[in-house]
Amino acid sequence: MPKLTFSSDVKWSGEGVRSVADINGKQVIIDEPPALGGTDQGPNPVELVLAALGGCINVLISLFASHHGVELKGVQVHVEGDLDPDGFMEKADVRPGFLEIRYHIDIDSPSDPKNVQALIEHVERVCPVKDTLRGVPTVSIANQKTS
């Protein structure tokens, strides 16, 4: 299969720090809580990163469940991450991004626990978002335009 390219166009709304992302024709509002200058009209960027990880894990579990002989009745992923705002506010010499991300997977299934464990291990190994969070070889600005 040839490589796939995904994209998102994110535009500042003109109000506070709120932006609107157009992702494949679907719009997502991105904002911040009032403490960070926003109006809390949508998730903030780092919350979207956590949701992307949880969503990716859910997609892969449902995709590969039958391959591992697992019947799914329900799946839920709880994701949380620790971030020190002093990093991106440049108030302290700390990393601006997440210091740690943790998640817990709840799978409701009558299937053999060994099969469920094999499914989880498979998902852990191939999750593109988890792999991305471990480190992208290249993140670069292609063009910077100012008007």
C-alpha atoms as a PDB file:
ATOM      1  CA  MET A   1       0.000   0.000   0.000  1.00  0.00           C
ATOM      2  CA  PRO A   2       1.379   3.461  -0.836  1.00  0.00           C
ATOM      3  CA  LYS A   3       1.986   5.893   1.977  1.00  0.00           C
ATOM      4  CA  LEU A   4      -0.998   8.000   3.009  1.00  0.00           C
ATOM      5  CA  THR A   5      -0.791  11.729   3.637  1.00  0.00           C
ATOM      6  CA  PHE A   6      -3.182  13.290   6.127  1.00  0.00           C
ATOM      7  CA  SER A   7      -3.716  17.002   6.576  1.00  0.00           C
ATOM      8  CA  SER A   8      -5.538  19.618   8.580  1.00  0.00           C
ATOM      9  CA  ASP A   9      -6.074  23.308   7.924  1.00  0.00           C
ATOM     10  CA  VAL A  10      -6.287  25.312  11.139  1.00  0.00           C
ATOM     11  CA  LYS A  11      -7.401  28.938  11.054  1.00  0.00           C
ATOM     12  CA  TRP A  12      -7.530  31.444  13.892  1.00  0.00           C
ATOM     13  CA  SER A  13     -11.151  32.483  14.439  1.00  0.00           C
ATOM     14  CA  GLY A  14     -10.267  36.111  15.176  1.00  0.00           C
ATOM     15  CA  GLU A  15     -11.592  35.736  18.730  1.00  0.00           C
ATOM     16  CA  GLY A  16      -9.211  35.248  21.639  1.00  0.00           C
ATOM     17  CA  VAL A  17      -7.133  32.119  21.118  1.00  0.00           C
ATOM     18  CA  ARG A  18      -9.898  30.078  19.444  1.00  0.00           C
ATOM     19  CA  SER A  19      -9.123  28.320  16.158  1.00  0.00           C
ATOM     20  CA  VAL A  20     -11.149  26.152  13.823  1.00  0.00           C
ATOM     21  CA  ALA A  21      -9.568  23.094  12.263  1.00  0.00           C
ATOM     22  CA  ASP A  22     -10.891  21.767   8.979  1.00  0.00           C
ATOM     23  CA  ILE A  23     -10.054  18.079   8.933  1.00  0.00           C
ATOM     24  CA  ASN A  24     -11.228  16.328   5.795  1.00  0.00           C
ATOM     25  CA  GLY A  25     -14.309  18.565   5.595  1.00  0.00           C
ATOM     26  CA  LYS A  26     -15.150  18.258   9.291  1.00  0.00           C
ATOM     27  CA  GLN A  27     -14.716  21.241  11.585  1.00  0.00           C
ATOM     28  CA  VAL A  28     -13.272  21.069  15.082  1.00  0.00           C
ATOM     29  CA  ILE A  29     -13.167  24.078  17.393  1.00  0.00           C
ATOM     30  CA  ILE A  30      -9.904  24.404  19.306  1.00  0.00           C
ATOM     31  CA  ASP A  31      -9.817  26.735  22.304  1.00  0.00           C
ATOM     32  CA  GLU A  32      -8.313  27.095  25.749  1.00  0.00           C
ATOM     33  CA  PRO A  33      -9.865  27.467  29.192  1.00  0.00           C
ATOM     34  CA  PRO A  34     -10.211  31.036  30.518  1.00  0.00           C
ATOM     35  CA  ALA A  35      -7.057  30.625  32.653  1.00  0.00           C
ATOM     36  CA  LEU A  36      -5.086  30.302  29.396  1.00  0.00           C
ATOM     37  CA  GLY A  37      -6.839  33.131  27.527  1.00  0.00           C
ATOM     38  CA  GLY A  38      -9.676  31.180  25.929  1.00  0.00           C
ATOM     39  CA  THR A  39     -13.424  30.862  26.251  1.00  0.00           C
ATOM     40  CA  ASP A  40     -13.497  27.050  26.628  1.00  0.00           C
ATOM     41  CA  GLN A  41     -15.570  26.541  23.454  1.00  0.00           C
ATOM     42  CA  GLY A  42     -13.619  23.444  22.491  1.00  0.00           C
ATOM     43  CA  PRO A  43     -10.807  21.171  23.558  1.00  0.00           C
ATOM     44  CA  ASN A  44      -7.323  22.626  23.646  1.00  0.00           C
ATOM     45  CA  PRO A  45      -4.549  21.266  21.422  1.00  0.00           C
ATOM     46  CA  VAL A  46      -3.014  19.019  24.063  1.00  0.00           C
ATOM     47  CA  GLU A  47      -6.417  17.545  24.928  1.00  0.00           C
ATOM     48  CA  LEU A  48      -6.805  16.721  21.241  1.00  0.00           C
ATOM     49  CA  VAL A  49      -3.465  14.898  21.344  1.00  0.00           C
ATOM     50  CA  LEU A  50      -4.740  12.766  24.237  1.00  0.00           C
ATOM     51  CA  ALA A  51      -8.050  12.154  22.450  1.00  0.00           C
ATOM     52  CA  ALA A  52      -6.144  11.151  19.306  1.00  0.00           C
ATOM     53  CA  LEU A  53      -4.244   8.513  21.276  1.00  0.00           C
ATOM     54  CA  GLY A  54      -7.422   7.145  22.875  1.00  0.00           C
ATOM     55  CA  GLY A  55      -9.258   7.210  19.560  1.00  0.00           C
ATOM     56  CA  CYS A  56      -6.446   5.429  17.759  1.00  0.00           C
ATOM     57  CA  ILE A  57      -6.352   2.685  20.381  1.00  0.00           C
ATOM     58  CA  ASN A  58     -10.150   2.256  20.126  1.00  0.00           C
ATOM     59  CA  VAL A  59     -10.004   2.069  16.319  1.00  0.00           C
ATOM     60  CA  LEU A  60      -7.261  -0.543  16.378  1.00  0.00           C
ATOM     61  CA  ILE A  61      -8.909  -2.664  19.074  1.00  0.00           C
ATOM     62  CA  SER A  62     -12.151  -2.783  17.111  1.00  0.00           C
ATOM     63  CA  LEU A  63     -10.241  -3.371  13.861  1.00  0.00           C
ATOM     64  CA  PHE A  64      -8.108  -6.278  15.119  1.00  0.00           C
ATOM     65  CA  ALA A  65     -10.468  -7.882  17.686  1.00  0.00           C
ATOM     66  CA  SER A  66     -11.769 -10.586  15.352  1.00  0.00           C
ATOM     67  CA  HIS A  67      -8.208 -11.365  14.206  1.00  0.00           C
ATOM     68  CA  HIS A  68      -7.444 -12.305  17.825  1.00  0.00           C
ATOM     69  CA  GLY A  69     -10.731 -14.109  18.430  1.00  0.00           C
ATOM     70  CA  VAL A  70     -12.012 -11.380  20.731  1.00  0.00           C
ATOM     71  CA  GLU A  71     -15.704 -10.518  20.921  1.00  0.00           C
ATOM     72  CA  LEU A  72     -16.161  -6.897  21.952  1.00  0.00           C
ATOM     73  CA  LYS A  73     -19.070  -5.665  24.016  1.00  0.00           C
ATOM     74  CA  GLY A  74     -17.384  -2.352  24.810  1.00  0.00           C
ATOM     75  CA  VAL A  75     -14.082  -0.525  24.809  1.00  0.00           C
ATOM     76  CA  GLN A  76     -13.082   2.618  26.648  1.00  0.00           C
ATOM     77  CA  VAL A  77      -9.680   4.257  26.873  1.00  0.00           C
ATOM     78  CA  HIS A  78      -8.927   6.799  29.599  1.00  0.00           C
ATOM     79  CA  VAL A  79      -5.941   8.981  28.697  1.00  0.00           C
ATOM     80  CA  GLU A  80      -4.276  11.638  30.823  1.00  0.00           C
ATOM     81  CA  GLY A  81      -1.087  13.599  30.573  1.00  0.00           C
ATOM     82  CA  ASP A  82       1.005  15.867  32.789  1.00  0.00           C
ATOM     83  CA  LEU A  83       2.075  19.202  31.351  1.00  0.00           C
ATOM     84  CA  ASP A  84       3.775  22.103  33.117  1.00  0.00           C
ATOM     85  CA  PRO A  85       2.477  25.384  31.585  1.00  0.00           C
ATOM     86  CA  ASP A  86       5.654  27.119  32.754  1.00  0.00           C
ATOM     87  CA  GLY A  87       7.393  25.308  29.887  1.00  0.00           C
ATOM     88  CA  PHE A  88       5.452  26.870  27.010  1.00  0.00           C
ATOM     89  CA  MET A  89       5.123  30.190  28.872  1.00  0.00           C
ATOM     90  CA  GLU A  90       8.948  30.161  29.219  1.00  0.00           C
ATOM     91  CA  LYS A  91       8.746  30.811  32.958  1.00  0.00           C
ATOM     92  CA  ALA A  92      10.942  27.826  33.795  1.00  0.00           C
ATOM     93  CA  ASP A  93      13.415  25.543  32.103  1.00  0.00           C
ATOM     94  CA  VAL A  94      10.978  22.643  31.708  1.00  0.00           C
ATOM     95  CA  ARG A  95       9.761  20.815  28.656  1.00  0.00           C
ATOM     96  CA  PRO A  96       6.871  22.684  26.956  1.00  0.00           C
ATOM     97  CA  GLY A  97       5.088  19.454  26.045  1.00  0.00           C
ATOM     98  CA  PHE A  98       3.782  16.526  28.019  1.00  0.00           C
ATOM     99  CA  LEU A  99       6.082  15.230  30.724  1.00  0.00           C
ATOM    100  CA  GLU A 100       4.191  11.934  30.898  1.00  0.00           C
ATOM    101  CA  ILE A 101       1.133  10.382  29.251  1.00  0.00           C
ATOM    102  CA  ARG A 102      -0.741   7.489  30.827  1.00  0.00           C
ATOM    103  CA  TYR A 103      -3.698   5.489  29.587  1.00  0.00           C
ATOM    104  CA  HIS A 104      -5.914   2.686  30.767  1.00  0.00           C
ATOM    105  CA  ILE A 105      -7.864   0.405  28.434  1.00  0.00           C
ATOM    106  CA  ASP A 106     -11.140  -1.156  29.604  1.00  0.00           C
ATOM    107  CA  ILE A 107     -12.322  -3.952  27.330  1.00  0.00           C
ATOM    108  CA  ASP A 108     -15.672  -5.594  28.029  1.00  0.00           C
ATOM    109  CA  SER A 109     -15.405  -9.026  26.453  1.00  0.00           C
ATOM    110  CA  PRO A 110     -16.464 -12.591  27.266  1.00  0.00           C
ATOM    111  CA  SER A 111     -13.427 -13.862  25.319  1.00  0.00           C
ATOM    112  CA  ASP A 112     -10.420 -15.679  26.725  1.00  0.00           C
ATOM    113  CA  PRO A 113      -8.252 -13.176  28.659  1.00  0.00           C
ATOM    114  CA  LYS A 114      -5.167 -14.475  26.803  1.00  0.00           C
ATOM    115  CA  ASN A 115      -6.739 -13.442  23.497  1.00  0.00           C
ATOM    116  CA  VAL A 116      -7.652 -10.033  24.919  1.00  0.00           C
ATOM    117  CA  GLN A 117      -4.073  -9.578  26.135  1.00  0.00           C
ATOM    118  CA  ALA A 118      -2.706 -10.555  22.717  1.00  0.00           C
ATOM    119  CA  LEU A 119      -5.031  -7.987  21.132  1.00  0.00           C
ATOM    120  CA  ILE A 120      -3.801  -5.259  23.491  1.00  0.00           C
ATOM    121  CA  GLU A 121      -0.161  -6.155  22.800  1.00  0.00           C
ATOM    122  CA  HIS A 122      -0.828  -6.025  19.051  1.00  0.00           C
ATOM    123  CA  VAL A 123      -2.452  -2.580  19.343  1.00  0.00           C
ATOM    124  CA  GLU A 124       0.398  -1.326  21.542  1.00  0.00           C
ATOM    125  CA  ARG A 125       2.881  -2.395  18.878  1.00  0.00           C
ATOM    126  CA  VAL A 126       1.162  -0.827  15.839  1.00  0.00           C
ATOM    127  CA  CYS A 127      -0.636   2.294  17.161  1.00  0.00           C
ATOM    128  CA  PRO A 128       0.455   5.174  14.857  1.00  0.00           C
ATOM    129  CA  VAL A 129      -0.426   7.888  17.376  1.00  0.00           C
ATOM    130  CA  LYS A 130       1.527   6.197  20.165  1.00  0.00           C
ATOM    131  CA  ASP A 131       4.456   5.762  17.797  1.00  0.00           C
ATOM    132  CA  THR A 132       4.219   9.448  16.820  1.00  0.00           C
ATOM    133  CA  LEU A 133       4.214  10.535  20.466  1.00  0.00           C
ATOM    134  CA  ARG A 134       7.430   8.584  20.984  1.00  0.00           C
ATOM    135  CA  GLY A 135       9.093  10.856  18.463  1.00  0.00           C
ATOM    136  CA  VAL A 136       8.618  11.853  14.853  1.00  0.00           C
ATOM    137  CA  PRO A 137      11.866  11.742  12.864  1.00  0.00           C
ATOM    138  CA  THR A 138      11.082  15.060  11.153  1.00  0.00           C
ATOM    139  CA  VAL A 139       8.697  17.853  12.116  1.00  0.00           C
ATOM    140  CA  SER A 140       9.408  20.871   9.962  1.00  0.00           C
ATOM    141  CA  ILE A 141       7.888  24.061   8.668  1.00  0.00           C
ATOM    142  CA  ALA A 142       7.560  23.818   4.891  1.00  0.00           C
ATOM    143  CA  ASN A 143       6.778  27.448   4.140  1.00  0.00           C
ATOM    144  CA  GLN A 144       6.252  30.433   6.341  1.00  0.00           C
ATOM    145  CA  LYS A 145       4.252  33.262   4.837  1.00  0.00           C
ATOM    146  CA  THR A 146       3.546  36.636   6.365  1.00  0.00           C
ATOM    147  CA  SER A 147       1.318  39.236   4.820  1.00  0.00           C
END
